[in-house]
Amino acid sequence: MKQFFVFVRKEFYHVFRDKRTLFILFGMPVVQVLLFGFALTNEVKDSPVIVVDNAKDEASQAIIGKMYASHYFDIEKAPLSHNEILENFRDGKIKAAIIFPANFNADLSHTNKAQIQVITDASDPNTATTVLNYATSVIKSYQEELAQNTRIPYRISTEVRNIFNPQLKSEHNFVPGVMAMVLMLICVMMTAISIVREKEFGTMEILLVSPFKPILVVFAKLFPYLTLSMVNLVTILLMSVFVLGLPIKGSILLLVLLSMLFMVCCLSLGLLISNIAKSQQVAMLISLVGMLMPTMIFSGFMFPIENMPTLLQVISNIVPSKWYYTIVKFVMIKGLGFSSIWKEALILAGMTCVLFFVALKKFKIRLE
C-alpha cells in the first residue's frame, strides 16, 4: 500500500510540473464556463437600428418609446433618404431600419389599420430574423394595448424587406465562415506540423546545412500549403456558385487577392507556432485550440460579437479570421469594393507583416 501512495505522489508531481496539463485541468473549465455563460449566445442585444419617423404622431412615438425601453435595439432617429439608408446597410453600420409612414396615426384612427416598413440586413440571416421578431413583438405589444382600451380591432401590419439576402438563405452566412475556418486550419496547422515533423525526424538540420539559404527553406515549406489553400478557395467558390446557388456579387479578383493575404497571414502564424512547439502533438493542440476555437467564437460566424462582453470584443480584434470573415461578406455577399473594406484589409496586412517578421526572427537556423 505504501508503494501505491508513492506512485500516486509521483504522478501528482508530474501533473503539477506540466504547465500544459495544469491549464487543461484547471484553466479550460474556467474558460469554457465564462465563454458559454457570457459570450456564446445567439440572443441579439443592442442592435444598431435607424428609425425614420415620418409621422411624428402619438402612435409612432409610443412604439418608438417601447423600442427604447427594450434592450434589443440601439436606436438612432434620423430623417434619412432611401439611398442613405442603403448606404448605412452597405457599410454595416445598422442591422435594421424601421420606417413609419407620414399618416400613421391617422390611418390607424380612421381605417383601424396601418403599416410599418422594416428593412433588415439579411447578409446574416439569423440576426435579421431575430431583429425582425423583436420589432414585430414590440409592435404587437402596442397593438394589444390599443385593443384593451377599445373594442375596435386595430391592426398594424409589418412590411418586411430583406436586403442582400431576400430569401434568408443560410448559405450567405455559412460560406464565408467555412472559408475562414478551412483556410485558417490548412495554413496554420499544416505549416506548423510540417516544420515540427522535420525537427522530430532530424531532417531539418540537413535542410538548413544544404546550399539553400534558411529563408529559402522556409519559403519552400510554406509554398505548398499556399497552393493547396488556393485550390481549396477555388473549390469553395465554385461549390457556392454552382451547388449552393450563391453568386459572387463583388469583384472576384479582389476576393482572391485578399484571400491570399489572409493565407499568408495564417502561414506566418503557423511558422511562429512551429518555433514554439516541440512536437507534432503540441503543434496540433496549439493550432486547434488556439486557432479553430477563436475562429468559431470571435469571427462573428456563429455568435454575434457585439453581444459579447467588452473584454471579449477587444480580444476578437486580434483574431485574423474576424477581419477576413467581414471582407468575404462585404465583397461576396454585399458586392462592395475596396473602398468599403480598406480598413479590414489594412488591419489584416498589418497582422501579416508583424507575424511574418516575428516568425522569421524566432526561426532557429541552428537546432539545439
Protein backbone atom coordinates (compact mmCIF):
# COMPACT_ATOMS: atom_id res chain seq x y z
CA MET A 1 0.00 0.00 0.00
CA LYS A 2 2.88 2.30 0.77
CA GLN A 3 4.29 1.75 -2.74
CA PHE A 4 0.89 2.62 -4.19
CA PHE A 5 0.85 6.02 -2.48
CA VAL A 6 4.42 6.61 -3.57
CA PHE A 7 3.39 6.14 -7.20
CA VAL A 8 0.32 8.36 -6.65
CA ARG A 9 2.51 11.10 -5.23
CA LYS A 10 4.90 10.73 -8.16
CA GLU A 11 2.02 11.18 -10.63
CA PHE A 12 0.88 14.31 -8.78
CA TYR A 13 4.40 15.70 -9.09
CA HIS A 14 4.32 15.02 -12.85
CA VAL A 15 0.96 16.73 -13.21
CA PHE A 16 1.95 19.85 -11.28
CA ARG A 17 5.24 20.14 -13.16
CA ASP A 18 3.49 20.11 -16.54
CA LYS A 19 2.02 23.56 -17.12
CA ARG A 20 0.02 22.41 -20.16
CA THR A 21 -1.69 19.69 -18.11
CA LEU A 22 -2.48 22.18 -15.35
CA PHE A 23 -4.04 24.52 -17.89
CA ILE A 24 -6.22 21.74 -19.31
CA LEU A 25 -7.27 20.61 -15.83
CA PHE A 26 -8.00 23.99 -14.26
CA GLY A 27 -7.87 26.63 -16.97
CA MET A 28 -10.10 25.08 -19.62
CA PRO A 29 -13.16 24.61 -17.33
CA VAL A 30 -12.95 28.25 -16.22
CA VAL A 31 -12.59 29.46 -19.81
CA GLN A 32 -15.49 27.30 -21.00
CA VAL A 33 -17.81 28.47 -18.22
CA LEU A 34 -17.03 32.11 -18.99
CA LEU A 35 -17.44 31.67 -22.74
CA PHE A 36 -20.62 29.62 -22.63
CA GLY A 37 -22.06 31.75 -19.85
CA PHE A 38 -21.40 35.21 -21.25
CA ALA A 39 -20.12 35.12 -24.82
CA LEU A 40 -21.71 32.25 -26.70
CA THR A 41 -25.26 33.37 -27.10
CA ASN A 42 -27.42 33.75 -30.18
CA GLU A 43 -29.53 36.39 -28.47
CA VAL A 44 -29.20 39.73 -30.24
CA LYS A 45 -28.94 42.77 -27.97
CA ASP A 46 -28.45 46.48 -28.65
CA SER A 47 -28.72 46.03 -32.41
CA PRO A 48 -27.98 49.29 -34.24
CA VAL A 49 -31.29 50.36 -35.78
CA ILE A 50 -32.32 53.53 -37.62
CA VAL A 51 -35.87 54.76 -37.07
CA VAL A 52 -37.29 57.09 -39.70
CA ASP A 53 -40.39 58.65 -38.16
CA ASN A 54 -42.23 60.42 -40.97
CA ALA A 55 -45.41 60.59 -38.86
CA LYS A 56 -44.14 62.13 -35.61
CA ASP A 57 -47.51 61.44 -34.02
CA GLU A 58 -48.74 59.84 -30.82
CA ALA A 59 -48.83 56.28 -32.15
CA SER A 60 -45.37 56.30 -33.74
CA GLN A 61 -43.82 57.90 -30.66
CA ALA A 62 -45.43 55.27 -28.43
CA ILE A 63 -43.97 52.39 -30.47
CA ILE A 64 -40.54 54.04 -30.62
CA GLY A 65 -40.69 54.52 -26.86
CA LYS A 66 -41.31 50.81 -26.39
CA MET A 67 -38.31 50.05 -28.58
CA TYR A 68 -36.17 52.39 -26.50
CA ALA A 69 -37.37 50.64 -23.34
CA SER A 70 -36.27 47.22 -24.59
CA HIS A 71 -32.61 46.18 -24.53
CA TYR A 72 -32.80 44.74 -28.03
CA PHE A 73 -32.28 47.94 -30.00
CA ASP A 74 -29.73 50.73 -30.10
CA ILE A 75 -31.94 53.28 -31.82
CA GLU A 76 -30.84 56.28 -33.81
CA LYS A 77 -33.61 58.55 -35.04
CA ALA A 78 -32.68 60.16 -38.33
CA PRO A 79 -34.73 61.54 -41.27
CA LEU A 80 -32.66 59.69 -43.89
CA SER A 81 -33.49 59.15 -47.52
CA HIS A 82 -33.81 55.68 -49.04
CA ASN A 83 -30.32 55.86 -50.58
CA GLU A 84 -28.78 56.99 -47.28
CA ILE A 85 -30.37 54.05 -45.50
CA LEU A 86 -28.97 51.62 -48.08
CA GLU A 87 -25.54 53.22 -47.68
CA ASN A 88 -25.69 52.55 -43.93
CA PHE A 89 -26.57 48.93 -44.64
CA ARG A 90 -23.68 48.55 -47.10
CA ASP A 91 -21.20 49.90 -44.57
CA GLY A 92 -22.51 47.53 -41.91
CA LYS A 93 -23.47 50.39 -39.58
CA ILE A 94 -27.03 49.19 -38.96
CA LYS A 95 -28.87 45.88 -38.72
CA ALA A 96 -32.33 47.21 -39.48
CA ALA A 97 -34.33 50.30 -40.43
CA ILE A 98 -37.87 50.94 -39.20
CA ILE A 99 -39.87 53.42 -41.26
CA PHE A 100 -43.18 54.98 -40.18
CA PRO A 101 -45.38 56.46 -42.96
CA ALA A 102 -46.45 60.09 -42.78
CA ASN A 103 -50.09 59.41 -41.80
CA PHE A 104 -49.51 56.51 -39.45
CA ASN A 105 -51.79 57.59 -36.57
CA ALA A 106 -54.42 58.99 -38.95
CA ASP A 107 -54.61 55.69 -40.84
CA LEU A 108 -54.85 53.80 -37.57
CA SER A 109 -57.65 56.04 -36.26
CA HIS A 110 -59.75 56.29 -39.43
CA THR A 111 -59.28 52.90 -41.09
CA ASN A 112 -58.30 50.88 -37.99
CA LYS A 113 -55.18 49.65 -39.74
CA ALA A 114 -51.73 50.98 -40.53
CA GLN A 115 -48.44 49.74 -41.90
CA ILE A 116 -44.80 49.93 -40.77
CA GLN A 117 -41.87 49.06 -43.03
CA VAL A 118 -39.00 47.06 -41.55
CA ILE A 119 -35.81 46.65 -43.60
CA THR A 120 -33.18 44.19 -42.37
CA ASP A 121 -29.62 43.33 -43.36
CA ALA A 122 -30.14 39.69 -44.35
CA SER A 123 -26.49 39.01 -45.20
CA ASP A 124 -26.61 37.47 -41.72
CA PRO A 125 -30.00 35.71 -41.89
CA ASN A 126 -30.04 34.61 -38.24
CA THR A 127 -29.54 38.14 -36.91
CA ALA A 128 -32.00 39.56 -39.45
CA THR A 129 -34.72 37.12 -38.40
CA THR A 130 -34.10 37.77 -34.71
CA VAL A 131 -34.20 41.56 -35.08
CA LEU A 132 -37.38 41.31 -37.16
CA ASN A 133 -39.02 39.13 -34.50
CA TYR A 134 -38.07 41.65 -31.80
CA ALA A 135 -39.53 44.56 -33.79
CA THR A 136 -42.70 42.61 -34.58
CA SER A 137 -43.08 41.73 -30.91
CA VAL A 138 -42.88 45.39 -29.85
CA ILE A 139 -45.44 46.41 -32.49
CA LYS A 140 -47.76 43.57 -31.45
CA SER A 141 -47.45 44.66 -27.81
CA TYR A 142 -48.62 48.19 -28.71
CA GLN A 143 -51.45 46.75 -30.78
CA GLU A 144 -52.62 44.67 -27.80
CA GLU A 145 -52.60 47.78 -25.59
CA LEU A 146 -54.90 49.52 -28.07
CA ALA A 147 -57.24 46.54 -28.06
CA GLN A 148 -57.56 46.70 -24.28
CA ASN A 149 -58.79 50.33 -24.36
CA THR A 150 -61.35 49.91 -27.13
CA ARG A 151 -63.42 47.25 -28.83
CA ILE A 152 -62.27 48.37 -32.26
CA PRO A 153 -59.90 45.74 -33.75
CA TYR A 154 -56.86 47.83 -34.67
CA ARG A 155 -54.39 46.10 -36.94
CA ILE A 156 -50.79 47.19 -37.56
CA SER A 157 -49.15 45.22 -40.36
CA THR A 158 -45.42 44.99 -40.99
CA GLU A 159 -43.98 45.28 -44.47
CA VAL A 160 -40.70 43.37 -44.39
CA ARG A 161 -37.82 43.84 -46.80
CA ASN A 162 -34.64 41.78 -46.51
CA ILE A 163 -31.75 43.25 -48.47
CA PHE A 164 -28.63 41.37 -49.69
CA ASN A 165 -30.42 38.07 -48.99
CA PRO A 166 -34.17 38.36 -49.67
CA GLN A 167 -34.80 34.63 -49.24
CA LEU A 168 -32.87 34.44 -45.95
CA LYS A 169 -30.66 31.61 -47.19
CA SER A 170 -28.24 30.29 -44.59
CA GLU A 171 -25.51 29.94 -47.24
CA HIS A 172 -24.88 33.70 -47.04
CA ASN A 173 -23.57 33.22 -43.51
CA PHE A 174 -22.25 29.67 -43.86
CA VAL A 175 -19.92 30.04 -46.86
CA PRO A 176 -17.81 32.98 -45.53
CA GLY A 177 -17.44 31.23 -42.19
CA VAL A 178 -16.33 27.97 -43.81
CA MET A 179 -13.81 29.84 -45.95
CA ALA A 180 -12.28 31.45 -42.86
CA MET A 181 -12.09 28.15 -40.94
CA VAL A 182 -10.78 25.98 -43.77
CA LEU A 183 -8.07 28.41 -44.85
CA MET A 184 -7.05 29.09 -41.26
CA LEU A 185 -6.73 25.40 -40.37
CA ILE A 186 -4.88 24.34 -43.51
CA CYS A 187 -2.40 27.21 -43.44
CA VAL A 188 -1.74 27.30 -39.70
CA MET A 189 -1.92 23.67 -38.60
CA MET A 190 -0.34 22.06 -41.65
CA THR A 191 2.55 24.54 -41.72
CA ALA A 192 3.28 24.16 -38.00
CA ILE A 193 3.11 20.37 -38.11
CA SER A 194 5.20 20.14 -41.28
CA ILE A 195 8.14 22.07 -39.85
CA VAL A 196 7.95 20.39 -36.43
CA ARG A 197 7.91 16.99 -38.17
CA GLU A 198 11.22 17.85 -39.84
CA LYS A 199 12.66 18.72 -36.42
CA GLU A 200 11.42 15.49 -34.86
CA PHE A 201 12.82 13.31 -37.66
CA GLY A 202 16.13 15.19 -37.63
CA THR A 203 15.85 16.21 -41.28
CA MET A 204 15.50 19.94 -40.61
CA GLU A 205 19.19 20.16 -39.71
CA ILE A 206 20.07 18.56 -43.05
CA LEU A 207 17.88 21.10 -44.88
CA LEU A 208 19.46 24.02 -43.01
CA VAL A 209 23.03 22.98 -43.89
CA SER A 210 22.14 22.48 -47.54
CA PRO A 211 23.33 25.02 -50.17
CA PHE A 212 19.95 26.76 -49.90
CA LYS A 213 19.65 29.73 -47.59
CA PRO A 214 17.49 29.07 -44.48
CA ILE A 215 14.97 31.66 -45.64
CA LEU A 216 14.50 29.76 -48.90
CA VAL A 217 13.95 26.55 -46.94
CA VAL A 218 11.18 28.29 -45.02
CA PHE A 219 9.54 29.60 -48.18
CA ALA A 220 9.80 26.14 -49.76
CA LYS A 221 7.91 24.70 -46.78
CA LEU A 222 5.21 27.38 -46.95
CA PHE A 223 4.59 27.43 -50.69
CA PRO A 224 2.80 24.02 -50.98
CA TYR A 225 0.26 24.99 -48.36
CA LEU A 226 -0.36 28.32 -50.02
CA THR A 227 -1.02 26.43 -53.26
CA LEU A 228 -3.31 23.90 -51.57
CA SER A 229 -5.20 26.72 -49.87
CA MET A 230 -5.73 28.40 -53.24
CA VAL A 231 -7.16 25.12 -54.57
CA ASN A 232 -9.50 24.97 -51.56
CA LEU A 233 -10.53 28.57 -52.11
CA VAL A 234 -11.40 27.92 -55.75
CA THR A 235 -13.28 24.74 -54.78
CA ILE A 236 -15.36 26.54 -52.16
CA LEU A 237 -16.20 29.40 -54.52
CA LEU A 238 -17.19 27.02 -57.33
CA MET A 239 -19.39 24.98 -54.99
CA SER A 240 -21.01 28.08 -53.56
CA VAL A 241 -21.93 29.32 -57.04
CA PHE A 242 -22.89 26.11 -58.86
CA VAL A 243 -24.06 23.87 -56.00
CA LEU A 244 -25.45 26.25 -53.38
CA GLY A 245 -26.60 28.92 -55.84
CA LEU A 246 -24.75 31.71 -54.03
CA PRO A 247 -23.37 34.17 -56.61
CA ILE A 248 -20.27 36.29 -56.04
CA LYS A 249 -21.67 39.81 -56.25
CA GLY A 250 -18.37 41.67 -55.88
CA SER A 251 -15.02 41.55 -57.63
CA ILE A 252 -13.61 38.01 -57.85
CA LEU A 253 -10.09 39.39 -58.29
CA LEU A 254 -10.40 41.49 -55.11
CA LEU A 255 -11.75 38.48 -53.20
CA VAL A 256 -8.89 36.23 -54.38
CA LEU A 257 -6.18 38.81 -53.61
CA LEU A 258 -7.46 39.46 -50.09
CA SER A 259 -7.84 35.71 -49.56
CA MET A 260 -4.17 35.30 -50.47
CA LEU A 261 -3.32 38.00 -47.93
CA PHE A 262 -5.24 36.06 -45.28
CA MET A 263 -3.44 32.83 -46.28
CA VAL A 264 -0.01 34.47 -45.92
CA CYS A 265 -1.09 35.77 -42.51
CA CYS A 266 -2.09 32.26 -41.44
CA LEU A 267 1.11 30.74 -42.86
CA SER A 268 3.13 33.23 -40.82
CA LEU A 269 1.17 32.23 -37.74
CA GLY A 270 1.87 28.56 -38.46
CA LEU A 271 5.56 29.30 -38.79
CA LEU A 272 5.51 31.10 -35.45
CA ILE A 273 3.78 28.12 -33.77
CA SER A 274 6.41 25.79 -35.24
CA ASN A 275 9.09 27.77 -33.40
CA ILE A 276 7.27 27.29 -30.09
CA ALA A 277 6.14 23.67 -30.38
CA LYS A 278 8.50 20.82 -29.57
CA SER A 279 6.38 18.04 -31.09
CA GLN A 280 3.67 17.49 -33.68
CA GLN A 281 1.09 16.84 -30.95
CA VAL A 282 1.84 20.16 -29.28
CA ALA A 283 1.73 21.96 -32.62
CA MET A 284 -1.65 20.39 -33.43
CA LEU A 285 -3.02 21.24 -29.98
CA ILE A 286 -1.95 24.87 -30.23
CA SER A 287 -3.35 25.12 -33.76
CA LEU A 288 -6.71 23.56 -32.91
CA VAL A 289 -7.31 25.21 -29.55
CA GLY A 290 -5.58 28.45 -30.42
CA MET A 291 -6.95 28.88 -33.94
CA LEU A 292 -10.10 26.80 -34.50
CA MET A 293 -11.92 27.90 -31.35
CA PRO A 294 -11.18 31.64 -31.78
CA THR A 295 -12.28 31.40 -35.43
CA MET A 296 -15.59 29.84 -34.44
CA ILE A 297 -16.19 32.15 -31.48
CA PHE A 298 -14.65 35.52 -32.32
CA SER A 299 -15.12 35.82 -36.10
CA GLY A 300 -18.85 36.54 -35.87
CA PHE A 301 -19.57 33.40 -37.87
CA MET A 302 -21.53 31.58 -35.16
CA PHE A 303 -22.08 34.15 -32.40
CA PRO A 304 -22.68 37.93 -32.71
CA ILE A 305 -19.57 39.73 -31.47
CA GLU A 306 -21.50 42.86 -30.47
CA ASN A 307 -23.38 40.84 -27.83
CA MET A 308 -20.21 39.70 -26.07
CA PRO A 309 -18.69 41.45 -23.04
CA THR A 310 -16.42 44.38 -23.89
CA LEU A 311 -13.26 42.44 -22.98
CA LEU A 312 -14.10 39.65 -25.43
CA GLN A 313 -14.95 42.17 -28.13
CA VAL A 314 -11.48 43.66 -27.70
CA ILE A 315 -9.88 40.20 -27.83
CA SER A 316 -11.74 39.43 -31.08
CA ASN A 317 -9.80 42.22 -32.80
CA ILE A 318 -6.58 40.19 -32.67
CA VAL A 319 -8.17 37.20 -34.46
CA PRO A 320 -7.31 37.43 -38.20
CA SER A 321 -10.36 35.40 -39.25
CA LYS A 322 -12.68 38.10 -37.88
CA TRP A 323 -11.41 40.63 -40.40
CA TYR A 324 -11.32 38.11 -43.24
CA TYR A 325 -14.89 37.00 -42.50
CA THR A 326 -16.03 40.62 -42.74
CA ILE A 327 -14.13 41.06 -46.02
CA VAL A 328 -15.74 37.98 -47.59
CA LYS A 329 -19.25 39.06 -46.53
CA PHE A 330 -18.80 42.60 -47.85
CA VAL A 331 -17.26 41.56 -51.19
CA MET A 332 -19.02 38.27 -51.89
CA ILE A 333 -22.46 38.86 -50.36
CA LYS A 334 -22.92 42.64 -50.49
CA GLY A 335 -20.93 43.26 -53.68
CA LEU A 336 -18.88 46.12 -52.22
CA GLY A 337 -15.49 47.33 -53.45
CA PHE A 338 -12.16 48.06 -51.81
CA SER A 339 -13.34 51.47 -50.58
CA SER A 340 -15.68 49.71 -48.13
CA ILE A 341 -13.18 47.18 -46.77
CA TRP A 342 -9.88 49.08 -46.83
CA LYS A 343 -9.77 49.23 -43.02
CA GLU A 344 -10.18 45.45 -42.65
CA ALA A 345 -7.61 44.85 -45.41
CA LEU A 346 -5.13 47.24 -43.77
CA ILE A 347 -5.50 45.54 -40.37
CA LEU A 348 -5.01 42.12 -41.97
CA ALA A 349 -1.92 43.36 -43.83
CA GLY A 350 -0.51 44.78 -40.58
CA MET A 351 -1.08 41.47 -38.78
CA THR A 352 0.63 39.62 -41.64
CA CYS A 353 3.73 41.83 -41.52
CA VAL A 354 4.06 41.57 -37.73
CA LEU A 355 3.54 37.79 -37.60
CA PHE A 356 5.90 37.13 -40.52
CA PHE A 357 8.64 39.33 -39.06
CA VAL A 358 8.36 37.77 -35.58
CA ALA A 359 8.23 34.24 -37.02
CA LEU A 360 11.38 34.80 -39.07
CA LYS A 361 13.21 36.41 -36.15
CA LYS A 362 12.42 33.43 -33.93
CA PHE A 363 13.15 30.80 -36.55
CA LYS A 364 16.24 28.89 -35.40
CA ILE A 365 18.75 28.17 -38.15
CA ARG A 366 20.72 26.03 -35.72
CA LEU A 367 18.94 23.25 -33.91
CA GLU A 368 19.77 22.57 -30.28
